[in-house]
């Protein structure tokens, strides 16, 4: 009878530890995703026009057809 009680206690403690570890892992995942969001929040368009005075140099390096 005591062996069955010990086995039941061990099983319940293991299941509780599994649930606690899963909850902690989920919490860390949520924190990680929350911290990563500001990296993609800035959606300003990138300026691609040439700086004044560089157009002649850009034409020099364009391959001729």
N, C-alpha and C. Protein backbone atom coordinates (compact mmCIF):
# COMPACT_ATOMS: atom_id res chain seq x y z
N UNK A 1 0.81 -1.19 0.00
CA UNK A 1 0.00 0.00 0.00
C UNK A 1 0.86 1.26 0.00
N UNK A 2 1.95 1.23 0.77
CA UNK A 2 2.83 2.39 0.84
C UNK A 2 3.56 2.57 -0.50
N UNK A 3 3.88 1.47 -1.16
CA UNK A 3 4.54 1.56 -2.47
C UNK A 3 3.62 2.22 -3.49
N UNK A 4 2.34 1.89 -3.44
CA UNK A 4 1.38 2.49 -4.36
C UNK A 4 1.22 3.98 -4.08
N UNK A 5 1.22 4.35 -2.82
CA UNK A 5 1.14 5.75 -2.44
C UNK A 5 2.38 6.51 -2.89
N UNK A 6 3.53 5.90 -2.76
CA UNK A 6 4.78 6.54 -3.21
C UNK A 6 4.79 6.72 -4.72
N UNK A 7 4.34 5.71 -5.43
CA UNK A 7 4.28 5.80 -6.89
C UNK A 7 3.29 6.88 -7.34
N UNK A 8 2.16 6.96 -6.67
CA UNK A 8 1.16 7.99 -7.00
C UNK A 8 1.71 9.38 -6.71
N UNK A 9 2.41 9.53 -5.59
CA UNK A 9 3.00 10.83 -5.24
C UNK A 9 4.05 11.23 -6.25
N UNK A 10 4.87 10.29 -6.66
CA UNK A 10 5.91 10.56 -7.66
C UNK A 10 5.28 10.95 -9.00
N UNK A 11 4.23 10.26 -9.37
CA UNK A 11 3.55 10.56 -10.64
C UNK A 11 2.93 11.95 -10.61
N UNK A 12 2.26 12.28 -9.52
CA UNK A 12 1.64 13.60 -9.41
C UNK A 12 2.70 14.71 -9.37
N UNK A 13 3.80 14.48 -8.68
CA UNK A 13 4.86 15.48 -8.63
C UNK A 13 5.49 15.68 -10.01
N UNK A 14 5.63 14.59 -10.77
CA UNK A 14 6.19 14.68 -12.12
C UNK A 14 5.24 15.43 -13.04
N UNK A 15 3.95 15.15 -12.95
CA UNK A 15 2.98 15.86 -13.79
C UNK A 15 2.92 17.35 -13.43
N UNK A 16 3.02 17.67 -12.14
CA UNK A 16 3.04 19.06 -11.73
C UNK A 16 4.28 19.77 -12.25
N UNK A 17 5.43 19.12 -12.18
CA UNK A 17 6.66 19.70 -12.70
C UNK A 17 6.60 19.89 -14.21
N UNK A 18 5.98 18.95 -14.90
CA UNK A 18 5.82 19.06 -16.36
C UNK A 18 4.94 20.26 -16.71
N UNK A 19 3.85 20.42 -15.98
CA UNK A 19 2.96 21.56 -16.23
C UNK A 19 3.65 22.88 -15.91
N UNK A 20 4.40 22.92 -14.84
CA UNK A 20 5.11 24.14 -14.47
C UNK A 20 6.18 24.49 -15.51
N UNK A 21 6.89 23.48 -16.01
CA UNK A 21 7.92 23.72 -17.02
C UNK A 21 7.30 24.18 -18.34
N UNK A 22 6.17 23.61 -18.72
CA UNK A 22 5.49 24.02 -19.95
C UNK A 22 4.99 25.46 -19.83
N UNK A 23 4.44 25.81 -18.67
CA UNK A 23 3.96 27.19 -18.47
C UNK A 23 5.11 28.18 -18.48
N UNK A 24 6.23 27.82 -17.89
CA UNK A 24 7.40 28.69 -17.88
C UNK A 24 7.96 28.87 -19.28
N UNK A 25 8.01 27.80 -20.06
CA UNK A 25 8.48 27.86 -21.44
C UNK A 25 7.56 28.74 -22.28
N UNK A 26 6.26 28.63 -22.09
CA UNK A 26 5.29 29.44 -22.82
C UNK A 26 5.47 30.92 -22.45
N UNK A 27 5.71 31.19 -21.17
CA UNK A 27 5.93 32.57 -20.73
C UNK A 27 7.18 33.15 -21.37
N UNK A 28 8.25 32.39 -21.40
CA UNK A 28 9.49 32.87 -22.04
C UNK A 28 9.30 33.09 -23.53
N UNK A 29 8.52 32.24 -24.18
CA UNK A 29 8.24 32.42 -25.60
C UNK A 29 7.45 33.70 -25.84
N UNK A 30 6.46 33.96 -25.00
CA UNK A 30 5.66 35.20 -25.14
C UNK A 30 6.53 36.44 -24.92
N UNK A 31 7.42 36.39 -23.95
CA UNK A 31 8.31 37.52 -23.69
C UNK A 31 9.25 37.74 -24.87
N UNK A 32 9.77 36.65 -25.44
CA UNK A 32 10.66 36.76 -26.59
C UNK A 32 9.96 37.39 -27.78
N UNK A 33 8.76 36.95 -28.07
CA UNK A 33 8.00 37.51 -29.19
C UNK A 33 7.68 38.97 -28.93
N UNK A 34 7.34 39.31 -27.70
CA UNK A 34 7.04 40.69 -27.36
C UNK A 34 8.27 41.59 -27.53
N UNK A 35 9.44 41.10 -27.17
CA UNK A 35 10.66 41.88 -27.32
C UNK A 35 11.09 42.00 -28.78
N UNK A 36 10.72 41.06 -29.62
CA UNK A 36 11.11 41.10 -31.03
C UNK A 36 10.21 42.00 -31.85
N UNK A 37 9.02 42.33 -31.41
CA UNK A 37 8.09 43.12 -32.20
C UNK A 37 8.59 44.51 -32.55
N UNK A 38 9.25 45.26 -31.67
CA UNK A 38 9.70 46.58 -32.08
C UNK A 38 10.70 46.57 -33.23
N UNK A 39 11.38 45.47 -33.46
CA UNK A 39 12.33 45.40 -34.56
C UNK A 39 11.64 45.46 -35.91
N UNK A 40 10.39 45.06 -36.00
CA UNK A 40 9.68 45.08 -37.27
C UNK A 40 8.59 46.14 -37.31
N UNK A 41 8.48 46.95 -36.26
CA UNK A 41 7.38 47.93 -36.21
C UNK A 41 7.65 49.15 -37.08
N UNK A 42 8.91 49.45 -37.37
CA UNK A 42 9.26 50.63 -38.14
C UNK A 42 9.15 50.31 -39.63
N UNK A 43 8.16 50.86 -40.29
CA UNK A 43 7.90 50.54 -41.69
C UNK A 43 8.13 51.75 -42.60
N UNK A 44 9.11 52.58 -42.31
CA UNK A 44 9.40 53.72 -43.17
C UNK A 44 10.01 53.25 -44.48
N UNK A 45 9.63 53.85 -45.61
CA UNK A 45 10.23 53.43 -46.88
C UNK A 45 11.69 53.87 -46.96
N UNK A 46 12.48 53.06 -47.62
CA UNK A 46 13.90 53.34 -47.76
C UNK A 46 14.09 54.29 -48.94
N UNK A 47 14.87 55.33 -48.75
CA UNK A 47 15.13 56.28 -49.83
C UNK A 47 16.16 55.67 -50.78
N UNK A 48 15.82 55.62 -52.07
CA UNK A 48 16.72 55.01 -53.04
C UNK A 48 17.26 55.99 -54.06
N UNK A 49 16.91 57.28 -53.95
CA UNK A 49 17.39 58.22 -54.95
C UNK A 49 18.88 58.51 -54.74
N UNK A 50 19.52 58.95 -55.79
CA UNK A 50 20.95 59.24 -55.73
C UNK A 50 21.19 60.58 -55.06
N UNK A 51 22.33 60.68 -54.42
CA UNK A 51 22.74 61.95 -53.82
C UNK A 51 23.14 62.89 -54.95
N UNK A 52 22.93 64.20 -54.74
CA UNK A 52 23.24 65.18 -55.78
C UNK A 52 24.71 65.10 -56.16
N UNK A 53 24.99 64.99 -57.45
CA UNK A 53 26.36 64.95 -57.95
C UNK A 53 26.86 63.54 -58.24
N UNK A 54 26.11 62.53 -57.90
CA UNK A 54 26.58 61.15 -58.16
C UNK A 54 25.99 60.57 -59.43
N UNK A 55 25.08 61.28 -60.09
CA UNK A 55 24.47 60.75 -61.30
C UNK A 55 25.48 60.51 -62.41
N UNK A 56 26.42 61.43 -62.67
CA UNK A 56 27.42 61.15 -63.72
C UNK A 56 28.27 59.91 -63.41
N UNK A 57 28.61 59.72 -62.15
CA UNK A 57 29.40 58.54 -61.79
C UNK A 57 28.58 57.26 -61.94
N UNK A 58 27.30 57.33 -61.65
CA UNK A 58 26.45 56.15 -61.82
C UNK A 58 26.34 55.79 -63.29
N UNK A 59 26.30 56.80 -64.17
CA UNK A 59 26.23 56.51 -65.61
C UNK A 59 27.52 55.88 -66.12
N UNK A 60 28.66 56.23 -65.53
CA UNK A 60 29.94 55.67 -65.98
C UNK A 60 29.96 54.16 -65.75
N UNK A 61 29.41 53.72 -64.65
CA UNK A 61 29.51 52.30 -64.29
C UNK A 61 28.34 51.45 -64.78
N UNK A 62 27.39 52.03 -65.49
CA UNK A 62 26.28 51.27 -66.03
C UNK A 62 26.79 50.51 -67.24
N UNK A 63 26.56 49.21 -67.31
CA UNK A 63 27.01 48.47 -68.50
C UNK A 63 26.25 48.93 -69.75
N UNK A 64 27.00 49.18 -70.81
CA UNK A 64 26.40 49.64 -72.06
C UNK A 64 25.82 48.45 -72.80
N UNK A 65 24.69 48.69 -73.47
CA UNK A 65 24.02 47.60 -74.17
C UNK A 65 24.46 47.53 -75.58
